[in-house]
Amino acid sequence: MDHGSPLMVIVDAANVVGSVPDGWWRDRRGAAERLRDRLAADGVPGRPGAVEIVLVVEGAARGVGSVPGVRVEPAPGSGDDHMVELVARAGDRAVLVVTADRELRRRVTELGAQVAGPRTVRPA
């Protein structure tokens, strides 16, 4: 494992936003922007030290831009496939994927990533 690089935290925006029925479906882009801004302000609770936060967006949220502290990655197709690709490209770097999607969790753990649920970055 690469201990020289900060932990990469890949956040499944659609899954995290969709985990709380707060009307996000009326403004998917706005919901993703609010998540991005909360991540930029609060980081990842319980993860002291440097982390690199990558927010993967898809669909209507593809226009969300990066801000200091959060790199936004628009998925060209499937968000799940893009997150798997990001994990694969990370090599032996420590990666945490935040999602509740069972199939995505299976795919990224096979590549060596850790997984955590949406509450990791979003209170219920």
C-alpha atoms as a PDB file:
ATOM      1  CA  MET A   1       0.000   0.000   0.000  1.00  0.00           C
ATOM      2  CA  ASP A   2       1.226   3.499  -0.869  1.00  0.00           C
ATOM      3  CA  HIS A   3       1.569   5.310   2.459  1.00  0.00           C
ATOM      4  CA  GLY A   4       3.049   8.427   0.844  1.00  0.00           C
ATOM      5  CA  SER A   5      -0.205   9.558  -0.742  1.00  0.00           C
ATOM      6  CA  PRO A   6      -3.252  10.746   1.182  1.00  0.00           C
ATOM      7  CA  LEU A   7      -6.273   8.472   1.387  1.00  0.00           C
ATOM      8  CA  MET A   8      -8.425   8.853  -1.734  1.00  0.00           C
ATOM      9  CA  VAL A   9     -12.113   9.034  -0.811  1.00  0.00           C
ATOM     10  CA  ILE A  10     -14.364   8.424  -3.820  1.00  0.00           C
ATOM     11  CA  VAL A  11     -17.951   9.491  -3.151  1.00  0.00           C
ATOM     12  CA  ASP A  12     -20.844   8.104  -5.193  1.00  0.00           C
ATOM     13  CA  ALA A  13     -22.797  11.374  -5.439  1.00  0.00           C
ATOM     14  CA  ALA A  14     -26.029   9.865  -6.788  1.00  0.00           C
ATOM     15  CA  ASN A  15     -26.092   7.180  -4.104  1.00  0.00           C
ATOM     16  CA  VAL A  16     -25.254   9.507  -1.212  1.00  0.00           C
ATOM     17  CA  VAL A  17     -27.681  12.222  -2.343  1.00  0.00           C
ATOM     18  CA  GLY A  18     -30.382   9.601  -2.882  1.00  0.00           C
ATOM     19  CA  SER A  19     -29.937   8.162   0.606  1.00  0.00           C
ATOM     20  CA  VAL A  20     -32.089  10.885   2.204  1.00  0.00           C
ATOM     21  CA  PRO A  21     -35.543  11.745   0.806  1.00  0.00           C
ATOM     22  CA  ASP A  22     -35.153  15.522   1.054  1.00  0.00           C
ATOM     23  CA  GLY A  23     -36.488  16.464  -2.386  1.00  0.00           C
ATOM     24  CA  TRP A  24     -33.154  15.988  -4.185  1.00  0.00           C
ATOM     25  CA  TRP A  25     -34.976  14.612  -7.247  1.00  0.00           C
ATOM     26  CA  ARG A  26     -36.372  18.079  -8.005  1.00  0.00           C
ATOM     27  CA  ASP A  27     -32.852  19.502  -8.426  1.00  0.00           C
ATOM     28  CA  ARG A  28     -30.241  16.787  -8.890  1.00  0.00           C
ATOM     29  CA  ARG A  29     -27.484  19.221  -9.791  1.00  0.00           C
ATOM     30  CA  GLY A  30     -28.230  21.446  -6.788  1.00  0.00           C
ATOM     31  CA  ALA A  31     -28.243  18.409  -4.479  1.00  0.00           C
ATOM     32  CA  ALA A  32     -24.823  17.330  -5.810  1.00  0.00           C
ATOM     33  CA  GLU A  33     -23.499  20.871  -5.349  1.00  0.00           C
ATOM     34  CA  ARG A  34     -24.717  20.928  -1.730  1.00  0.00           C
ATOM     35  CA  LEU A  35     -22.998  17.583  -1.101  1.00  0.00           C
ATOM     36  CA  ARG A  36     -19.790  18.876  -2.728  1.00  0.00           C
ATOM     37  CA  ASP A  37     -19.879  22.025  -0.598  1.00  0.00           C
ATOM     38  CA  ARG A  38     -20.483  20.060   2.616  1.00  0.00           C
ATOM     39  CA  LEU A  39     -17.548  17.771   1.771  1.00  0.00           C
ATOM     40  CA  ALA A  40     -15.342  20.796   1.076  1.00  0.00           C
ATOM     41  CA  ALA A  41     -16.310  22.376   4.414  1.00  0.00           C
ATOM     42  CA  ASP A  42     -16.395  19.283   6.657  1.00  0.00           C
ATOM     43  CA  GLY A  43     -14.114  16.762   4.950  1.00  0.00           C
ATOM     44  CA  VAL A  44     -14.683  13.137   5.898  1.00  0.00           C
ATOM     45  CA  PRO A  45     -15.651  12.783   9.575  1.00  0.00           C
ATOM     46  CA  GLY A  46     -13.529  10.276  11.446  1.00  0.00           C
ATOM     47  CA  ARG A  47     -10.710  10.422   8.888  1.00  0.00           C
ATOM     48  CA  PRO A  48      -8.022  12.626  10.404  1.00  0.00           C
ATOM     49  CA  GLY A  49      -5.164  13.782   8.285  1.00  0.00           C
ATOM     50  CA  ALA A  50      -4.981  14.503   4.609  1.00  0.00           C
ATOM     51  CA  VAL A  51      -7.554  13.004   2.285  1.00  0.00           C
ATOM     52  CA  GLU A  52      -8.233  13.549  -1.388  1.00  0.00           C
ATOM     53  CA  ILE A  53     -11.994  13.734  -1.949  1.00  0.00           C
ATOM     54  CA  VAL A  54     -13.285  12.774  -5.381  1.00  0.00           C
ATOM     55  CA  LEU A  55     -17.019  13.258  -6.005  1.00  0.00           C
ATOM     56  CA  VAL A  56     -18.282  11.222  -8.959  1.00  0.00           C
ATOM     57  CA  VAL A  57     -21.358  12.725 -10.631  1.00  0.00           C
ATOM     58  CA  GLU A  58     -23.506  11.475 -13.477  1.00  0.00           C
ATOM     59  CA  GLY A  59     -26.644  12.408 -15.372  1.00  0.00           C
ATOM     60  CA  ALA A  60     -28.134  15.802 -14.571  1.00  0.00           C
ATOM     61  CA  ALA A  61     -25.338  16.503 -12.064  1.00  0.00           C
ATOM     62  CA  ARG A  62     -22.552  16.301 -14.691  1.00  0.00           C
ATOM     63  CA  GLY A  63     -22.252  20.103 -14.790  1.00  0.00           C
ATOM     64  CA  VAL A  64     -21.122  20.370 -11.165  1.00  0.00           C
ATOM     65  CA  GLY A  65     -17.615  21.773 -10.945  1.00  0.00           C
ATOM     66  CA  SER A  66     -14.706  21.148  -8.613  1.00  0.00           C
ATOM     67  CA  VAL A  67     -13.960  23.394  -5.635  1.00  0.00           C
ATOM     68  CA  PRO A  68     -10.915  23.567  -3.364  1.00  0.00           C
ATOM     69  CA  GLY A  69     -10.876  20.337  -1.364  1.00  0.00           C
ATOM     70  CA  VAL A  70     -13.181  18.361  -3.662  1.00  0.00           C
ATOM     71  CA  ARG A  71     -12.379  17.194  -7.176  1.00  0.00           C
ATOM     72  CA  VAL A  72     -15.544  16.512  -9.148  1.00  0.00           C
ATOM     73  CA  GLU A  73     -15.299  13.730 -11.726  1.00  0.00           C
ATOM     74  CA  PRO A  74     -18.147  13.648 -14.248  1.00  0.00           C
ATOM     75  CA  ALA A  75     -18.758  10.070 -15.346  1.00  0.00           C
ATOM     76  CA  PRO A  76     -18.810   9.851 -19.148  1.00  0.00           C
ATOM     77  CA  GLY A  77     -21.258   6.933 -18.880  1.00  0.00           C
ATOM     78  CA  SER A  78     -22.043   4.818 -15.847  1.00  0.00           C
ATOM     79  CA  GLY A  79     -21.007   6.384 -12.558  1.00  0.00           C
ATOM     80  CA  ASP A  80     -20.304   2.927 -11.147  1.00  0.00           C
ATOM     81  CA  ASP A  81     -17.996   2.044 -14.024  1.00  0.00           C
ATOM     82  CA  HIS A  82     -16.144   5.343 -13.604  1.00  0.00           C
ATOM     83  CA  MET A  83     -15.616   4.744  -9.882  1.00  0.00           C
ATOM     84  CA  VAL A  84     -14.282   1.249 -10.588  1.00  0.00           C
ATOM     85  CA  GLU A  85     -11.897   2.774 -13.132  1.00  0.00           C
ATOM     86  CA  LEU A  86     -10.692   5.362 -10.593  1.00  0.00           C
ATOM     87  CA  VAL A  87     -10.015   2.609  -8.043  1.00  0.00           C
ATOM     88  CA  ALA A  88      -8.164   0.530 -10.649  1.00  0.00           C
ATOM     89  CA  ARG A  89      -6.001   3.532 -11.611  1.00  0.00           C
ATOM     90  CA  ALA A  90      -5.145   4.205  -7.949  1.00  0.00           C
ATOM     91  CA  GLY A  91      -2.895   1.153  -7.905  1.00  0.00           C
ATOM     92  CA  ASP A  92      -1.691   0.393  -4.390  1.00  0.00           C
ATOM     93  CA  ARG A  93      -2.896   3.713  -2.970  1.00  0.00           C
ATOM     94  CA  ALA A  94      -5.403   3.517  -0.090  1.00  0.00           C
ATOM     95  CA  VAL A  95      -8.929   4.142  -1.403  1.00  0.00           C
ATOM     96  CA  LEU A  96     -12.276   4.415   0.390  1.00  0.00           C
ATOM     97  CA  VAL A  97     -15.439   4.311  -1.738  1.00  0.00           C
ATOM     98  CA  VAL A  98     -18.559   5.800  -0.156  1.00  0.00           C
ATOM     99  CA  THR A  99     -21.690   4.110  -1.476  1.00  0.00           C
ATOM    100  CA  ALA A 100     -24.499   1.785  -0.425  1.00  0.00           C
ATOM    101  CA  ASP A 101     -24.645   0.134  -3.864  1.00  0.00           C
ATOM    102  CA  ARG A 102     -23.960  -3.559  -3.211  1.00  0.00           C
ATOM    103  CA  GLU A 103     -22.677  -4.397  -6.677  1.00  0.00           C
ATOM    104  CA  LEU A 104     -20.360  -1.382  -6.726  1.00  0.00           C
ATOM    105  CA  ARG A 105     -19.089  -2.306  -3.266  1.00  0.00           C
ATOM    106  CA  ARG A 106     -18.303  -5.804  -4.512  1.00  0.00           C
ATOM    107  CA  ARG A 107     -16.495  -4.529  -7.595  1.00  0.00           C
ATOM    108  CA  VAL A 108     -14.263  -2.038  -5.773  1.00  0.00           C
ATOM    109  CA  THR A 109     -13.395  -4.329  -2.861  1.00  0.00           C
ATOM    110  CA  GLU A 110     -12.168  -6.882  -5.405  1.00  0.00           C
ATOM    111  CA  LEU A 111      -9.701  -4.177  -6.469  1.00  0.00           C
ATOM    112  CA  GLY A 112      -8.554  -3.569  -2.887  1.00  0.00           C
ATOM    113  CA  ALA A 113     -10.649  -0.542  -1.906  1.00  0.00           C
ATOM    114  CA  GLN A 114     -12.391  -0.154   1.413  1.00  0.00           C
ATOM    115  CA  VAL A 115     -16.077   0.768   1.419  1.00  0.00           C
ATOM    116  CA  ALA A 116     -18.343   2.774   3.687  1.00  0.00           C
ATOM    117  CA  GLY A 117     -21.995   3.792   3.582  1.00  0.00           C
ATOM    118  CA  PRO A 118     -23.480   7.225   2.825  1.00  0.00           C
ATOM    119  CA  ARG A 119     -23.704   8.146   6.517  1.00  0.00           C
ATOM    120  CA  THR A 120     -19.921   8.359   6.463  1.00  0.00           C
ATOM    121  CA  VAL A 121     -20.269  11.728   4.714  1.00  0.00           C
ATOM    122  CA  ARG A 122     -23.924  12.570   5.170  1.00  0.00           C
ATOM    123  CA  PRO A 123     -25.867  12.467   8.409  1.00  0.00           C
ATOM    124  CA  ALA A 124     -29.196  10.646   8.067  1.00  0.00           C
END
